[in-house]
Amino acid sequence: GLRLAVSLLVLVRLLWSLQGLITRGGLAYLLLLSLGVLGLCGAGFWWLEPTVTSLGDGLWLAFTTAATVGYGDMAVAHG
């Protein structure tokens, strides 16, 4: 009960502080920024990881890592 109430208060405080960014232009900026970061991370995986053979695989690895779903299907796809 108490942890849920504290979590909700923290969430409300976070949303209140991000209120200026959640506008039509701010949201588009945040989406473009996150796509750019994922693109750079995908290129980094492609360059650094020996098992990643294409940019598409690097982008997939970056996305699954950022989404915290893991990349076990990459091993299955190459195995």
C-alpha atoms as a PDB file:
ATOM      1  CA  GLY A   1       0.000   0.000   0.000  1.00  0.00           C
ATOM      2  CA  LEU A   2       2.615   2.545   1.054  1.00  0.00           C
ATOM      3  CA  ARG A   3       5.038   1.649  -1.732  1.00  0.00           C
ATOM      4  CA  LEU A   4       2.270   2.014  -4.319  1.00  0.00           C
ATOM      5  CA  ALA A   5       1.350   5.450  -2.954  1.00  0.00           C
ATOM      6  CA  VAL A   6       4.991   6.572  -3.006  1.00  0.00           C
ATOM      7  CA  SER A   7       5.391   5.228  -6.560  1.00  0.00           C
ATOM      8  CA  LEU A   8       2.328   7.138  -7.723  1.00  0.00           C
ATOM      9  CA  LEU A   9       3.569  10.337  -6.091  1.00  0.00           C
ATOM     10  CA  VAL A  10       6.968   9.946  -7.770  1.00  0.00           C
ATOM     11  CA  LEU A  11       5.257   9.359 -11.128  1.00  0.00           C
ATOM     12  CA  VAL A  12       3.080  12.465 -10.706  1.00  0.00           C
ATOM     13  CA  ARG A  13       6.152  14.513  -9.752  1.00  0.00           C
ATOM     14  CA  LEU A  14       8.056  13.198 -12.795  1.00  0.00           C
ATOM     15  CA  LEU A  15       5.191  14.002 -15.158  1.00  0.00           C
ATOM     16  CA  TRP A  16       4.837  17.452 -13.599  1.00  0.00           C
ATOM     17  CA  SER A  17       8.528  18.187 -14.161  1.00  0.00           C
ATOM     18  CA  LEU A  18       8.365  16.905 -17.761  1.00  0.00           C
ATOM     19  CA  GLN A  19       5.261  18.955 -18.512  1.00  0.00           C
ATOM     20  CA  GLY A  20       7.243  21.453 -20.602  1.00  0.00           C
ATOM     21  CA  LEU A  21       8.643  18.721 -22.859  1.00  0.00           C
ATOM     22  CA  ILE A  22       5.324  17.020 -23.493  1.00  0.00           C
ATOM     23  CA  THR A  23       4.168  19.433 -26.143  1.00  0.00           C
ATOM     24  CA  ARG A  24       3.684  18.742 -29.807  1.00  0.00           C
ATOM     25  CA  GLY A  25       7.214  19.946 -30.714  1.00  0.00           C
ATOM     26  CA  GLY A  26       8.869  18.544 -27.599  1.00  0.00           C
ATOM     27  CA  LEU A  27       7.456  15.083 -28.091  1.00  0.00           C
ATOM     28  CA  ALA A  28       8.597  15.014 -31.718  1.00  0.00           C
ATOM     29  CA  TYR A  29      12.069  16.147 -30.570  1.00  0.00           C
ATOM     30  CA  LEU A  30      12.245  13.359 -27.964  1.00  0.00           C
ATOM     31  CA  LEU A  31      11.164  10.745 -30.516  1.00  0.00           C
ATOM     32  CA  LEU A  32      13.756  11.914 -33.049  1.00  0.00           C
ATOM     33  CA  LEU A  33      16.435  11.975 -30.360  1.00  0.00           C
ATOM     34  CA  SER A  34      15.627   8.421 -29.268  1.00  0.00           C
ATOM     35  CA  LEU A  35      15.616   7.191 -32.884  1.00  0.00           C
ATOM     36  CA  GLY A  36      19.004   8.840 -33.403  1.00  0.00           C
ATOM     37  CA  VAL A  37      20.433   7.197 -30.289  1.00  0.00           C
ATOM     38  CA  LEU A  38      19.089   3.789 -31.378  1.00  0.00           C
ATOM     39  CA  GLY A  39      20.617   4.326 -34.828  1.00  0.00           C
ATOM     40  CA  LEU A  40      24.016   5.179 -33.366  1.00  0.00           C
ATOM     41  CA  CYS A  41      23.866   2.201 -31.020  1.00  0.00           C
ATOM     42  CA  GLY A  42      22.894  -0.077 -33.907  1.00  0.00           C
ATOM     43  CA  ALA A  43      25.861   1.154 -35.922  1.00  0.00           C
ATOM     44  CA  GLY A  44      28.069   0.629 -32.869  1.00  0.00           C
ATOM     45  CA  PHE A  45      26.875  -2.955 -32.459  1.00  0.00           C
ATOM     46  CA  TRP A  46      27.477  -3.564 -36.176  1.00  0.00           C
ATOM     47  CA  TRP A  47      31.023  -2.177 -35.893  1.00  0.00           C
ATOM     48  CA  LEU A  48      32.025  -3.747 -32.573  1.00  0.00           C
ATOM     49  CA  GLU A  49      30.152  -7.048 -32.288  1.00  0.00           C
ATOM     50  CA  PRO A  50      31.728  -9.811 -34.405  1.00  0.00           C
ATOM     51  CA  THR A  51      28.498 -11.841 -34.672  1.00  0.00           C
ATOM     52  CA  VAL A  52      26.518  -8.910 -36.147  1.00  0.00           C
ATOM     53  CA  THR A  53      26.951  -9.084 -39.908  1.00  0.00           C
ATOM     54  CA  SER A  54      24.666  -6.257 -41.100  1.00  0.00           C
ATOM     55  CA  LEU A  55      23.399  -2.859 -40.007  1.00  0.00           C
ATOM     56  CA  GLY A  56      19.905  -4.329 -39.763  1.00  0.00           C
ATOM     57  CA  ASP A  57      21.135  -6.896 -37.234  1.00  0.00           C
ATOM     58  CA  GLY A  58      22.871  -4.129 -35.289  1.00  0.00           C
ATOM     59  CA  LEU A  59      19.696  -2.046 -35.198  1.00  0.00           C
ATOM     60  CA  TRP A  60      17.695  -5.082 -34.082  1.00  0.00           C
ATOM     61  CA  LEU A  61      20.211  -5.770 -31.324  1.00  0.00           C
ATOM     62  CA  ALA A  62      20.105  -2.115 -30.205  1.00  0.00           C
ATOM     63  CA  PHE A  63      16.297  -2.122 -30.158  1.00  0.00           C
ATOM     64  CA  THR A  64      15.960  -5.377 -28.234  1.00  0.00           C
ATOM     65  CA  THR A  65      18.614  -4.225 -25.766  1.00  0.00           C
ATOM     66  CA  ALA A  66      16.883  -0.864 -25.221  1.00  0.00           C
ATOM     67  CA  ALA A  67      13.504  -2.578 -24.853  1.00  0.00           C
ATOM     68  CA  THR A  68      15.104  -4.976 -22.323  1.00  0.00           C
ATOM     69  CA  VAL A  69      13.609  -8.010 -24.068  1.00  0.00           C
ATOM     70  CA  GLY A  70      16.987  -9.595 -24.699  1.00  0.00           C
ATOM     71  CA  TYR A  71      18.366 -10.877 -27.974  1.00  0.00           C
ATOM     72  CA  GLY A  72      18.059 -14.649 -27.684  1.00  0.00           C
ATOM     73  CA  ASP A  73      16.323 -14.768 -31.060  1.00  0.00           C
ATOM     74  CA  MET A  74      19.547 -13.455 -32.673  1.00  0.00           C
ATOM     75  CA  ALA A  75      21.331 -16.658 -31.629  1.00  0.00           C
ATOM     76  CA  VAL A  76      18.481 -18.748 -33.034  1.00  0.00           C
ATOM     77  CA  ALA A  77      18.450 -16.802 -36.313  1.00  0.00           C
ATOM     78  CA  HIS A  78      22.183 -17.396 -36.836  1.00  0.00           C
ATOM     79  CA  GLY A  79      22.217 -20.919 -35.464  1.00  0.00           C
END
